[in-house]
Amino acid sequence: MYKSLLALDQIRINFSDSGSLILNIVLSLIMFGVALDIHPKEFKNVIEKPKALIAGLLAQMLFMPAITFLIIILFYKVLTPSIAMGMILVAACPGGNISNFIGNYAHGKIELSITITSITTLLAIVTTPFNFAFWGKLYENFLVKHTTELVQPITIDPIQMFHTVFIILGIPLILGMLCAHYYRNSSLKIALWFQRGSILLFVVMIIVAFSSNIYIFLHYLFYIFIIVFLHNITAMLTGYTTGTVFGVTEQERRSMTIEVGIQNSGLGLALILNPKIFSQDLALGGMLLIVAWWSIWHLISGLAVGTYWHNKPLEKKQNQ
């Protein structure tokens, strides 16, 4: 398996500048649509009893990257460098936009879901570059000490990543929240269409990303499926276990599980395909496939878990 995936690491991404621009625009529109449904009242309700919020933020921004690092260290003889860095990049991303819909569908606490997504998205301007650089450097140092193979350093410019994340996530989120505040009625009318269209836009984004690389995806799908499947399960367990340790309600644990299990891997794709962040001379085939398949799989797994919980309503005392 390692030898097959090592060949994947040597593949360079075939992607145009126009395709990268489309990805950035689509992701910005999605985040704007998410922000249209955010209202200060929801933040207030969660912040007044912050235990679940603190647990959710820790699970998303600290525990998820740390546990991902432990996984790639434990299985470093199986996971190639490019694939491992792809896993780190996914873990460094904030919660995905569809998590709020799935969390509500699963009878989770919608206010908590929206607040965690909003805060992690805003903080991603700093946390995504930091987590990727920090855990990525630790992994690179580990490989140097424990392997004899030449390690291709995958370094980034944190300032450039900061700018990119701010433009793609920060500005649309702020503009959407301002529209929701000053034009509440109009925002409510178009928010639903933006949210429904976000899934379609997301699929289009994946198709664009793979239009010139589909043969690579199909050839390595089996291996990538296993890795992402296990990583995604670990993410969901991280959310649920953190909630259990913090003693939050079952309704809040459901929201935390979905939040950590649904990552904004679309942001990860946009970052990988930005030549100012990741040089296109680097062999990033493993990173691309891990992040791209996450973009598809977390929707499937999230809806599956959401459907299970949807058919298992909470007891009234749990909902209080």
C-alpha atoms as a PDB file:
ATOM      1  CA  MET A   1       0.000   0.000   0.000  1.00  0.00           C
ATOM      2  CA  TYR A   2       2.788   2.422   0.947  1.00  0.00           C
ATOM      3  CA  LYS A   3       4.592   1.946  -2.371  1.00  0.00           C
ATOM      4  CA  SER A   4       1.387   2.565  -4.321  1.00  0.00           C
ATOM      5  CA  LEU A   5       0.659   5.724  -2.357  1.00  0.00           C
ATOM      6  CA  LEU A   6       4.276   6.867  -2.665  1.00  0.00           C
ATOM      7  CA  ALA A   7       3.780   6.970  -6.432  1.00  0.00           C
ATOM      8  CA  LEU A   8       0.777   9.212  -5.777  1.00  0.00           C
ATOM      9  CA  ASP A   9       2.994  11.607  -3.835  1.00  0.00           C
ATOM     10  CA  GLN A  10       5.065  12.209  -6.958  1.00  0.00           C
ATOM     11  CA  ILE A  11       2.116  13.390  -9.043  1.00  0.00           C
ATOM     12  CA  ARG A  12       1.924  17.106  -9.682  1.00  0.00           C
ATOM     13  CA  ILE A  13      -1.406  18.879  -9.862  1.00  0.00           C
ATOM     14  CA  ASN A  14      -2.748  19.900 -13.256  1.00  0.00           C
ATOM     15  CA  PHE A  15      -4.919  22.917 -12.535  1.00  0.00           C
ATOM     16  CA  SER A  16      -5.370  26.262 -14.245  1.00  0.00           C
ATOM     17  CA  ASP A  17      -5.351  29.755 -12.758  1.00  0.00           C
ATOM     18  CA  SER A  18      -8.933  30.267 -13.933  1.00  0.00           C
ATOM     19  CA  GLY A  19      -9.994  27.074 -12.154  1.00  0.00           C
ATOM     20  CA  SER A  20      -8.395  28.307  -8.936  1.00  0.00           C
ATOM     21  CA  LEU A  21     -10.255  31.617  -9.284  1.00  0.00           C
ATOM     22  CA  ILE A  22     -13.571  29.783  -9.725  1.00  0.00           C
ATOM     23  CA  LEU A  23     -12.915  27.761  -6.566  1.00  0.00           C
ATOM     24  CA  ASN A  24     -12.255  30.917  -4.571  1.00  0.00           C
ATOM     25  CA  ILE A  25     -15.387  32.656  -5.843  1.00  0.00           C
ATOM     26  CA  VAL A  26     -17.605  29.642  -5.170  1.00  0.00           C
ATOM     27  CA  LEU A  27     -16.269  29.216  -1.644  1.00  0.00           C
ATOM     28  CA  SER A  28     -16.747  32.923  -0.922  1.00  0.00           C
ATOM     29  CA  LEU A  29     -20.364  32.777  -2.103  1.00  0.00           C
ATOM     30  CA  ILE A  30     -20.994  29.739   0.075  1.00  0.00           C
ATOM     31  CA  MET A  31     -19.632  31.508   3.157  1.00  0.00           C
ATOM     32  CA  PHE A  32     -21.699  34.603   2.389  1.00  0.00           C
ATOM     33  CA  GLY A  33     -24.811  32.411   2.263  1.00  0.00           C
ATOM     34  CA  VAL A  34     -23.932  30.788   5.590  1.00  0.00           C
ATOM     35  CA  ALA A  35     -23.533  34.212   7.227  1.00  0.00           C
ATOM     36  CA  LEU A  36     -26.978  35.349   6.062  1.00  0.00           C
ATOM     37  CA  ASP A  37     -28.522  32.988   8.584  1.00  0.00           C
ATOM     38  CA  ILE A  38     -26.384  34.099  11.528  1.00  0.00           C
ATOM     39  CA  HIS A  39     -27.946  36.396  14.115  1.00  0.00           C
ATOM     40  CA  PRO A  40     -26.427  37.862  17.309  1.00  0.00           C
ATOM     41  CA  LYS A  41     -29.214  36.363  19.429  1.00  0.00           C
ATOM     42  CA  GLU A  42     -27.902  32.882  18.698  1.00  0.00           C
ATOM     43  CA  PHE A  43     -24.434  33.794  19.948  1.00  0.00           C
ATOM     44  CA  LYS A  44     -25.888  35.287  23.117  1.00  0.00           C
ATOM     45  CA  ASN A  45     -27.884  32.175  23.993  1.00  0.00           C
ATOM     46  CA  VAL A  46     -24.803  29.952  23.708  1.00  0.00           C
ATOM     47  CA  ILE A  47     -22.319  32.317  25.359  1.00  0.00           C
ATOM     48  CA  GLU A  48     -24.512  32.675  28.455  1.00  0.00           C
ATOM     49  CA  LYS A  49     -23.843  28.953  29.128  1.00  0.00           C
ATOM     50  CA  PRO A  50     -20.433  28.540  27.478  1.00  0.00           C
ATOM     51  CA  LYS A  51     -19.396  25.026  28.544  1.00  0.00           C
ATOM     52  CA  ALA A  52     -20.566  23.350  25.334  1.00  0.00           C
ATOM     53  CA  LEU A  53     -19.134  26.158  23.217  1.00  0.00           C
ATOM     54  CA  ILE A  54     -15.708  25.891  24.875  1.00  0.00           C
ATOM     55  CA  ALA A  55     -15.768  22.111  24.445  1.00  0.00           C
ATOM     56  CA  GLY A  56     -16.726  22.431  20.790  1.00  0.00           C
ATOM     57  CA  LEU A  57     -14.032  25.002  20.020  1.00  0.00           C
ATOM     58  CA  LEU A  58     -11.367  22.901  21.745  1.00  0.00           C
ATOM     59  CA  ALA A  59     -12.470  19.788  19.875  1.00  0.00           C
ATOM     60  CA  GLN A  60     -12.407  21.577  16.520  1.00  0.00           C
ATOM     61  CA  MET A  61      -9.312  23.753  16.777  1.00  0.00           C
ATOM     62  CA  LEU A  62      -7.036  21.822  19.178  1.00  0.00           C
ATOM     63  CA  PHE A  63      -8.002  18.193  19.667  1.00  0.00           C
ATOM     64  CA  MET A  64      -8.759  17.424  16.008  1.00  0.00           C
ATOM     65  CA  PRO A  65      -5.321  18.590  14.721  1.00  0.00           C
ATOM     66  CA  ALA A  66      -3.500  16.989  17.678  1.00  0.00           C
ATOM     67  CA  ILE A  67      -5.223  13.613  17.263  1.00  0.00           C
ATOM     68  CA  THR A  68      -4.617  13.746  13.505  1.00  0.00           C
ATOM     69  CA  PHE A  69      -0.911  14.266  14.228  1.00  0.00           C
ATOM     70  CA  LEU A  70      -0.888  11.238  16.563  1.00  0.00           C
ATOM     71  CA  ILE A  71      -2.532   9.112  13.867  1.00  0.00           C
ATOM     72  CA  ILE A  72       0.014   9.959  11.192  1.00  0.00           C
ATOM     73  CA  ILE A  73       2.856   9.362  13.655  1.00  0.00           C
ATOM     74  CA  LEU A  74       1.493   5.957  14.647  1.00  0.00           C
ATOM     75  CA  PHE A  75       1.006   4.957  11.006  1.00  0.00           C
ATOM     76  CA  TYR A  76       3.936   6.791   9.427  1.00  0.00           C
ATOM     77  CA  LYS A  77       5.097   3.569   7.752  1.00  0.00           C
ATOM     78  CA  VAL A  78       1.789   3.389   5.878  1.00  0.00           C
ATOM     79  CA  LEU A  79       0.884   7.030   5.302  1.00  0.00           C
ATOM     80  CA  THR A  80       3.119   8.836   2.840  1.00  0.00           C
ATOM     81  CA  PRO A  81       4.254  12.438   3.506  1.00  0.00           C
ATOM     82  CA  SER A  82       1.901  14.079   1.024  1.00  0.00           C
ATOM     83  CA  ILE A  83      -1.110  12.149   2.321  1.00  0.00           C
ATOM     84  CA  ALA A  84      -0.193  12.899   5.930  1.00  0.00           C
ATOM     85  CA  MET A  85       0.087  16.616   5.140  1.00  0.00           C
ATOM     86  CA  GLY A  86      -3.327  16.455   3.469  1.00  0.00           C
ATOM     87  CA  MET A  87      -4.783  15.036   6.678  1.00  0.00           C
ATOM     88  CA  ILE A  88      -3.148  17.827   8.679  1.00  0.00           C
ATOM     89  CA  LEU A  89      -4.557  20.442   6.307  1.00  0.00           C
ATOM     90  CA  VAL A  90      -8.092  19.053   6.667  1.00  0.00           C
ATOM     91  CA  ALA A  91      -7.744  19.042  10.456  1.00  0.00           C
ATOM     92  CA  ALA A  92      -6.552  22.660  10.352  1.00  0.00           C
ATOM     93  CA  CYS A  93      -9.667  23.832   8.480  1.00  0.00           C
ATOM     94  CA  PRO A  94     -12.732  25.211  10.310  1.00  0.00           C
ATOM     95  CA  GLY A  95     -16.156  23.571  10.362  1.00  0.00           C
ATOM     96  CA  GLY A  96     -17.945  23.113   7.054  1.00  0.00           C
ATOM     97  CA  ASN A  97     -20.935  25.196   5.990  1.00  0.00           C
ATOM     98  CA  ILE A  98     -23.308  22.230   5.676  1.00  0.00           C
ATOM     99  CA  SER A  99     -22.691  21.198   9.314  1.00  0.00           C
ATOM    100  CA  ASN A 100     -25.424  23.529  10.573  1.00  0.00           C
ATOM    101  CA  PHE A 101     -28.051  21.947   8.350  1.00  0.00           C
ATOM    102  CA  ILE A 102     -26.999  18.406   9.263  1.00  0.00           C
ATOM    103  CA  GLY A 103     -26.712  19.281  12.960  1.00  0.00           C
ATOM    104  CA  ASN A 104     -30.258  20.623  12.987  1.00  0.00           C
ATOM    105  CA  TYR A 105     -31.473  17.585  11.028  1.00  0.00           C
ATOM    106  CA  ALA A 106     -29.859  15.339  13.671  1.00  0.00           C
ATOM    107  CA  HIS A 107     -31.800  17.131  16.447  1.00  0.00           C
ATOM    108  CA  GLY A 108     -28.645  18.853  17.621  1.00  0.00           C
ATOM    109  CA  LYS A 109     -28.551  22.288  19.221  1.00  0.00           C
ATOM    110  CA  ILE A 110     -28.700  24.583  16.213  1.00  0.00           C
ATOM    111  CA  GLU A 111     -27.531  27.673  18.138  1.00  0.00           C
ATOM    112  CA  LEU A 112     -24.399  25.794  19.223  1.00  0.00           C
ATOM    113  CA  SER A 113     -23.716  24.533  15.702  1.00  0.00           C
ATOM    114  CA  ILE A 114     -24.000  27.981  14.154  1.00  0.00           C
ATOM    115  CA  THR A 115     -21.875  29.591  16.865  1.00  0.00           C
ATOM    116  CA  ILE A 116     -19.076  27.017  16.592  1.00  0.00           C
ATOM    117  CA  THR A 117     -19.044  27.257  12.794  1.00  0.00           C
ATOM    118  CA  SER A 118     -19.027  31.054  12.880  1.00  0.00           C
ATOM    119  CA  ILE A 119     -16.284  31.398  15.485  1.00  0.00           C
ATOM    120  CA  THR A 120     -14.012  28.709  14.007  1.00  0.00           C
ATOM    121  CA  THR A 121     -14.450  30.241  10.560  1.00  0.00           C
ATOM    122  CA  LEU A 122     -13.524  33.713  11.775  1.00  0.00           C
ATOM    123  CA  LEU A 123     -10.586  32.368  13.795  1.00  0.00           C
ATOM    124  CA  ALA A 124      -9.469  30.236  10.835  1.00  0.00           C
ATOM    125  CA  ILE A 125      -7.739  33.337   9.505  1.00  0.00           C
ATOM    126  CA  VAL A 126      -5.146  32.608  12.215  1.00  0.00           C
ATOM    127  CA  THR A 127      -5.716  28.996  13.313  1.00  0.00           C
ATOM    128  CA  THR A 128      -5.592  27.354   9.871  1.00  0.00           C
ATOM    129  CA  PRO A 129      -2.131  28.730   8.928  1.00  0.00           C
ATOM    130  CA  PHE A 130      -0.856  28.136  12.468  1.00  0.00           C
ATOM    131  CA  ASN A 131      -2.114  24.555  12.829  1.00  0.00           C
ATOM    132  CA  PHE A 132      -0.879  23.519   9.397  1.00  0.00           C
ATOM    133  CA  ALA A 133       2.560  25.071   9.920  1.00  0.00           C
ATOM    134  CA  PHE A 134       2.913  23.849  13.527  1.00  0.00           C
ATOM    135  CA  TRP A 135       1.806  20.227  13.122  1.00  0.00           C
ATOM    136  CA  GLY A 136       3.319  19.978   9.660  1.00  0.00           C
ATOM    137  CA  LYS A 137       6.731  21.022  10.984  1.00  0.00           C
ATOM    138  CA  LEU A 138       6.493  18.535  13.856  1.00  0.00           C
ATOM    139  CA  TYR A 139       5.692  15.784  11.359  1.00  0.00           C
ATOM    140  CA  GLU A 140       8.576  16.772   9.097  1.00  0.00           C
ATOM    141  CA  ASN A 141      10.984  16.712  12.064  1.00  0.00           C
ATOM    142  CA  PHE A 142       9.664  13.294  13.069  1.00  0.00           C
ATOM    143  CA  LEU A 143      10.306  11.878   9.598  1.00  0.00           C
ATOM    144  CA  VAL A 144      13.841  13.222   9.524  1.00  0.00           C
ATOM    145  CA  LYS A 145      14.589  11.352  12.763  1.00  0.00           C
ATOM    146  CA  HIS A 146      12.771   8.100  12.002  1.00  0.00           C
ATOM    147  CA  THR A 147      13.185   7.479   8.281  1.00  0.00           C
ATOM    148  CA  THR A 148      16.091   7.316   5.872  1.00  0.00           C
ATOM    149  CA  GLU A 149      14.070   8.538   2.894  1.00  0.00           C
ATOM    150  CA  LEU A 150      14.501  12.011   1.494  1.00  0.00           C
ATOM    151  CA  VAL A 151      11.636  14.159   2.760  1.00  0.00           C
ATOM    152  CA  GLN A 152      10.195  16.769   0.432  1.00  0.00           C
ATOM    153  CA  PRO A 153       9.613  19.804   2.667  1.00  0.00           C
ATOM    154  CA  ILE A 154       6.079  21.164   2.239  1.00  0.00           C
ATOM    155  CA  THR A 155       6.380  24.640   3.625  1.00  0.00           C
ATOM    156  CA  ILE A 156       3.972  27.549   3.314  1.00  0.00           C
ATOM    157  CA  ASP A 157       4.038  31.287   3.703  1.00  0.00           C
ATOM    158  CA  PRO A 158       1.736  31.789   6.739  1.00  0.00           C
ATOM    159  CA  ILE A 159       1.141  35.436   5.821  1.00  0.00           C
ATOM    160  CA  GLN A 160      -0.004  34.498   2.309  1.00  0.00           C
ATOM    161  CA  MET A 161      -2.269  31.794   3.722  1.00  0.00           C
ATOM    162  CA  PHE A 162      -3.642  34.319   6.220  1.00  0.00           C
ATOM    163  CA  HIS A 163      -4.492  36.703   3.364  1.00  0.00           C
ATOM    164  CA  THR A 164      -6.138  33.955   1.328  1.00  0.00           C
ATOM    165  CA  VAL A 165      -8.249  32.647   4.208  1.00  0.00           C
ATOM    166  CA  PHE A 166      -9.312  36.181   5.129  1.00  0.00           C
ATOM    167  CA  ILE A 167     -10.408  36.958   1.568  1.00  0.00           C
ATOM    168  CA  ILE A 168     -12.195  33.636   1.001  1.00  0.00           C
ATOM    169  CA  LEU A 169     -13.783  33.219   4.446  1.00  0.00           C
ATOM    170  CA  GLY A 170     -13.416  36.337   6.556  1.00  0.00           C
ATOM    171  CA  ILE A 171     -14.732  39.024   4.214  1.00  0.00           C
ATOM    172  CA  PRO A 172     -17.788  37.044   2.932  1.00  0.00           C
ATOM    173  CA  LEU A 173     -18.687  36.006   6.478  1.00  0.00           C
ATOM    174  CA  ILE A 174     -18.503  39.575   7.778  1.00  0.00           C
ATOM    175  CA  LEU A 175     -20.494  40.945   4.815  1.00  0.00           C
ATOM    176  CA  GLY A 176     -23.134  38.252   5.207  1.00  0.00           C
ATOM    177  CA  MET A 177     -23.531  38.937   8.915  1.00  0.00           C
ATOM    178  CA  LEU A 178     -23.864  42.679   8.229  1.00  0.00           C
ATOM    179  CA  CYS A 179     -26.562  41.983   5.650  1.00  0.00           C
ATOM    180  CA  ALA A 180     -28.348  39.699   8.102  1.00  0.00           C
ATOM    181  CA  HIS A 181     -28.257  42.457  10.708  1.00  0.00           C
ATOM    182  CA  TYR A 182     -29.276  45.469   8.597  1.00  0.00           C
ATOM    183  CA  TYR A 183     -31.467  43.717   6.008  1.00  0.00           C
ATOM    184  CA  ARG A 184     -32.942  40.934   8.095  1.00  0.00           C
ATOM    185  CA  ASN A 185     -36.106  40.277   6.056  1.00  0.00           C
ATOM    186  CA  SER A 186     -34.317  40.199   2.711  1.00  0.00           C
ATOM    187  CA  SER A 187     -31.573  38.009   4.165  1.00  0.00           C
ATOM    188  CA  LEU A 188     -34.095  35.489   5.458  1.00  0.00           C
ATOM    189  CA  LYS A 189     -35.699  35.282   2.002  1.00  0.00           C
ATOM    190  CA  ILE A 190     -32.472  34.511   0.137  1.00  0.00           C
ATOM    191  CA  ALA A 191     -30.629  32.561   2.867  1.00  0.00           C
ATOM    192  CA  LEU A 192     -32.525  29.344   2.165  1.00  0.00           C
ATOM    193  CA  TRP A 193     -31.666  29.474  -1.531  1.00  0.00           C
ATOM    194  CA  PHE A 194     -28.026  30.128  -0.762  1.00  0.00           C
ATOM    195  CA  GLN A 195     -27.938  27.171   1.628  1.00  0.00           C
ATOM    196  CA  ARG A 196     -29.615  24.831  -0.850  1.00  0.00           C
ATOM    197  CA  GLY A 197     -27.389  26.028  -3.628  1.00  0.00           C
ATOM    198  CA  SER A 198     -24.253  25.615  -1.517  1.00  0.00           C
ATOM    199  CA  ILE A 199     -24.313  21.843  -1.912  1.00  0.00           C
ATOM    200  CA  LEU A 200     -24.631  22.153  -5.684  1.00  0.00           C
ATOM    201  CA  LEU A 201     -21.860  24.749  -5.802  1.00  0.00           C
ATOM    202  CA  PHE A 202     -19.690  22.502  -3.681  1.00  0.00           C
ATOM    203  CA  VAL A 203     -20.161  19.613  -6.116  1.00  0.00           C
ATOM    204  CA  VAL A 204     -19.319  21.921  -9.015  1.00  0.00           C
ATOM    205  CA  MET A 205     -16.195  22.976  -7.164  1.00  0.00           C
ATOM    206  CA  ILE A 206     -15.057  19.354  -6.837  1.00  0.00           C
ATOM    207  CA  ILE A 207     -15.778  18.677 -10.524  1.00  0.00           C
ATOM    208  CA  VAL A 208     -13.728  21.718 -11.525  1.00  0.00           C
ATOM    209  CA  ALA A 209     -10.861  20.596  -9.301  1.00  0.00           C
ATOM    210  CA  PHE A 210     -10.821  17.131 -10.862  1.00  0.00           C
ATOM    211  CA  SER A 211     -11.642  17.917 -14.475  1.00  0.00           C
ATOM    212  CA  SER A 212      -7.969  17.551 -15.416  1.00  0.00           C
ATOM    213  CA  ASN A 213      -7.031  15.016 -12.748  1.00  0.00           C
ATOM    214  CA  ILE A 214      -9.858  12.462 -12.823  1.00  0.00           C
ATOM    215  CA  TYR A 215      -7.646   9.554 -13.874  1.00  0.00           C
ATOM    216  CA  ILE A 216      -5.520  10.042 -10.750  1.00  0.00           C
ATOM    217  CA  PHE A 217      -8.581  10.064  -8.512  1.00  0.00           C
ATOM    218  CA  LEU A 218     -10.048   6.853  -9.947  1.00  0.00           C
ATOM    219  CA  HIS A 219      -6.749   4.972  -9.810  1.00  0.00           C
ATOM    220  CA  TYR A 220      -6.143   5.652  -6.102  1.00  0.00           C
ATOM    221  CA  LEU A 221      -9.736   5.889  -4.866  1.00  0.00           C
ATOM    222  CA  PHE A 222      -9.674   2.630  -2.875  1.00  0.00           C
ATOM    223  CA  TYR A 223      -6.705   3.632  -0.712  1.00  0.00           C
ATOM    224  CA  ILE A 224      -7.921   7.186  -0.266  1.00  0.00           C
ATOM    225  CA  PHE A 225     -11.401   5.966   0.693  1.00  0.00           C
ATOM    226  CA  ILE A 226     -10.014   3.863   3.565  1.00  0.00           C
ATOM    227  CA  ILE A 227      -7.815   6.655   4.911  1.00  0.00           C
ATOM    228  CA  VAL A 228     -10.526   9.338   4.777  1.00  0.00           C
ATOM    229  CA  PHE A 229     -13.147   6.949   6.166  1.00  0.00           C
ATOM    230  CA  LEU A 230     -11.052   6.238   9.275  1.00  0.00           C
ATOM    231  CA  HIS A 231      -9.967   9.862   9.656  1.00  0.00           C
ATOM    232  CA  ASN A 232     -13.564  11.062   9.446  1.00  0.00           C
ATOM    233  CA  ILE A 233     -14.750   8.527  12.027  1.00  0.00           C
ATOM    234  CA  THR A 234     -11.964   9.701  14.324  1.00  0.00           C
ATOM    235  CA  ALA A 235     -13.097  13.306  13.855  1.00  0.00           C
ATOM    236  CA  MET A 236     -16.688  12.502  14.807  1.00  0.00           C
ATOM    237  CA  LEU A 237     -15.573  10.477  17.814  1.00  0.00           C
ATOM    238  CA  THR A 238     -13.382  13.406  18.868  1.00  0.00           C
ATOM    239  CA  GLY A 239     -16.403  15.698  18.903  1.00  0.00           C
ATOM    240  CA  TYR A 240     -18.672  13.268  20.741  1.00  0.00           C
ATOM    241  CA  THR A 241     -16.034  12.184  23.265  1.00  0.00           C
ATOM    242  CA  THR A 242     -15.059  15.773  24.070  1.00  0.00           C
ATOM    243  CA  GLY A 243     -18.699  16.579  24.753  1.00  0.00           C
ATOM    244  CA  THR A 244     -19.007  13.522  26.984  1.00  0.00           C
ATOM    245  CA  VAL A 245     -15.892  14.451  28.983  1.00  0.00           C
ATOM    246  CA  PHE A 246     -17.180  18.017  29.433  1.00  0.00           C
ATOM    247  CA  GLY A 247     -20.546  16.675  30.578  1.00  0.00           C
ATOM    248  CA  VAL A 248     -22.704  18.532  28.034  1.00  0.00           C
ATOM    249  CA  THR A 249     -26.161  17.352  26.992  1.00  0.00           C
ATOM    250  CA  GLU A 250     -26.808  14.718  24.346  1.00  0.00           C
ATOM    251  CA  GLN A 251     -28.259  17.396  22.076  1.00  0.00           C
ATOM    252  CA  GLU A 252     -25.025  19.395  22.356  1.00  0.00           C
ATOM    253  CA  ARG A 253     -22.896  16.283  21.807  1.00  0.00           C
ATOM    254  CA  ARG A 254     -24.722  15.646  18.573  1.00  0.00           C
ATOM    255  CA  SER A 255     -23.911  19.134  17.361  1.00  0.00           C
ATOM    256  CA  MET A 256     -20.263  18.778  18.368  1.00  0.00           C
ATOM    257  CA  THR A 257     -19.982  15.429  16.580  1.00  0.00           C
ATOM    258  CA  ILE A 258     -21.281  16.899  13.336  1.00  0.00           C
ATOM    259  CA  GLU A 259     -19.210  20.085  13.677  1.00  0.00           C
ATOM    260  CA  VAL A 260     -15.894  18.240  14.033  1.00  0.00           C
ATOM    261  CA  GLY A 261     -16.846  15.614  11.452  1.00  0.00           C
ATOM    262  CA  ILE A 262     -17.773  18.186   8.787  1.00  0.00           C
ATOM    263  CA  GLN A 263     -14.632  20.145   7.905  1.00  0.00           C
ATOM    264  CA  ASN A 264     -14.421  23.035   5.447  1.00  0.00           C
ATOM    265  CA  SER A 265     -12.284  20.964   3.096  1.00  0.00           C
ATOM    266  CA  GLY A 266     -13.333  23.270   0.270  1.00  0.00           C
ATOM    267  CA  LEU A 267     -11.032  25.815   1.890  1.00  0.00           C
ATOM    268  CA  GLY A 268      -8.311  23.188   1.903  1.00  0.00           C
ATOM    269  CA  LEU A 269      -8.757  22.672  -1.839  1.00  0.00           C
ATOM    270  CA  ALA A 270      -8.595  26.399  -2.488  1.00  0.00           C
ATOM    271  CA  LEU A 271      -5.363  26.623  -0.498  1.00  0.00           C
ATOM    272  CA  ILE A 272      -3.713  23.649  -2.215  1.00  0.00           C
ATOM    273  CA  LEU A 273      -4.561  25.006  -5.644  1.00  0.00           C
ATOM    274  CA  ASN A 274      -3.227  28.476  -4.845  1.00  0.00           C
ATOM    275  CA  PRO A 275       0.297  28.616  -6.362  1.00  0.00           C
ATOM    276  CA  LYS A 276       1.202  31.495  -4.043  1.00  0.00           C
ATOM    277  CA  ILE A 277       0.800  29.157  -1.056  1.00  0.00           C
ATOM    278  CA  PHE A 278       1.760  25.747  -2.402  1.00  0.00           C
ATOM    279  CA  SER A 279       4.204  25.853  -5.298  1.00  0.00           C
ATOM    280  CA  GLN A 280       2.880  23.860  -8.249  1.00  0.00           C
ATOM    281  CA  ASP A 281       6.385  22.410  -8.587  1.00  0.00           C
ATOM    282  CA  LEU A 282       5.721  20.421  -5.429  1.00  0.00           C
ATOM    283  CA  ALA A 283       4.383  16.874  -5.696  1.00  0.00           C
ATOM    284  CA  LEU A 284       1.027  17.292  -3.943  1.00  0.00           C
ATOM    285  CA  GLY A 285      -1.036  14.476  -5.423  1.00  0.00           C
ATOM    286  CA  GLY A 286      -1.657  12.846  -2.039  1.00  0.00           C
ATOM    287  CA  MET A 287      -2.755  16.119  -0.443  1.00  0.00           C
ATOM    288  CA  LEU A 288      -5.143  16.901  -3.269  1.00  0.00           C
ATOM    289  CA  LEU A 289      -6.891  13.526  -3.180  1.00  0.00           C
ATOM    290  CA  ILE A 290      -7.226  13.418   0.610  1.00  0.00           C
ATOM    291  CA  VAL A 291      -8.751  16.894   0.802  1.00  0.00           C
ATOM    292  CA  ALA A 292     -10.954  16.429  -2.259  1.00  0.00           C
ATOM    293  CA  TRP A 293     -12.363  13.076  -1.135  1.00  0.00           C
ATOM    294  CA  TRP A 294     -13.002  14.551   2.329  1.00  0.00           C
ATOM    295  CA  SER A 295     -15.111  17.175   0.546  1.00  0.00           C
ATOM    296  CA  ILE A 296     -17.346  14.411  -0.769  1.00  0.00           C
ATOM    297  CA  TRP A 297     -17.214  11.818   1.982  1.00  0.00           C
ATOM    298  CA  HIS A 298     -17.997  14.051   4.971  1.00  0.00           C
ATOM    299  CA  LEU A 299     -21.316  14.946   3.323  1.00  0.00           C
ATOM    300  CA  ILE A 300     -22.173  11.248   2.989  1.00  0.00           C
ATOM    301  CA  SER A 301     -21.073  10.315   6.513  1.00  0.00           C
ATOM    302  CA  GLY A 302     -22.628  13.449   8.011  1.00  0.00           C
ATOM    303  CA  LEU A 303     -25.988  12.758   6.402  1.00  0.00           C
ATOM    304  CA  ALA A 304     -25.798   9.099   7.472  1.00  0.00           C
ATOM    305  CA  VAL A 305     -25.134   9.993  11.123  1.00  0.00           C
ATOM    306  CA  GLY A 306     -27.676  12.820  10.899  1.00  0.00           C
ATOM    307  CA  THR A 307     -30.340  10.449   9.587  1.00  0.00           C
ATOM    308  CA  TYR A 308     -29.648   7.953  12.384  1.00  0.00           C
ATOM    309  CA  TRP A 309     -30.064  10.646  15.019  1.00  0.00           C
ATOM    310  CA  HIS A 310     -33.008  12.185  13.168  1.00  0.00           C
ATOM    311  CA  ASN A 311     -34.854   8.905  13.645  1.00  0.00           C
ATOM    312  CA  LYS A 312     -33.817   8.791  17.299  1.00  0.00           C
ATOM    313  CA  PRO A 313     -35.440  11.866  18.881  1.00  0.00           C
ATOM    314  CA  LEU A 314     -34.103  13.249  22.139  1.00  0.00           C
ATOM    315  CA  GLU A 315     -35.973  12.791  25.374  1.00  0.00           C
ATOM    316  CA  LYS A 316     -37.606  15.989  26.588  1.00  0.00           C
ATOM    317  CA  LYS A 317     -35.344  16.299  29.599  1.00  0.00           C
ATOM    318  CA  GLN A 318     -32.283  16.117  27.308  1.00  0.00           C
ATOM    319  CA  ASN A 319     -33.594  18.983  25.233  1.00  0.00           C
ATOM    320  CA  GLN A 320     -33.956  21.331  28.159  1.00  0.00           C
END
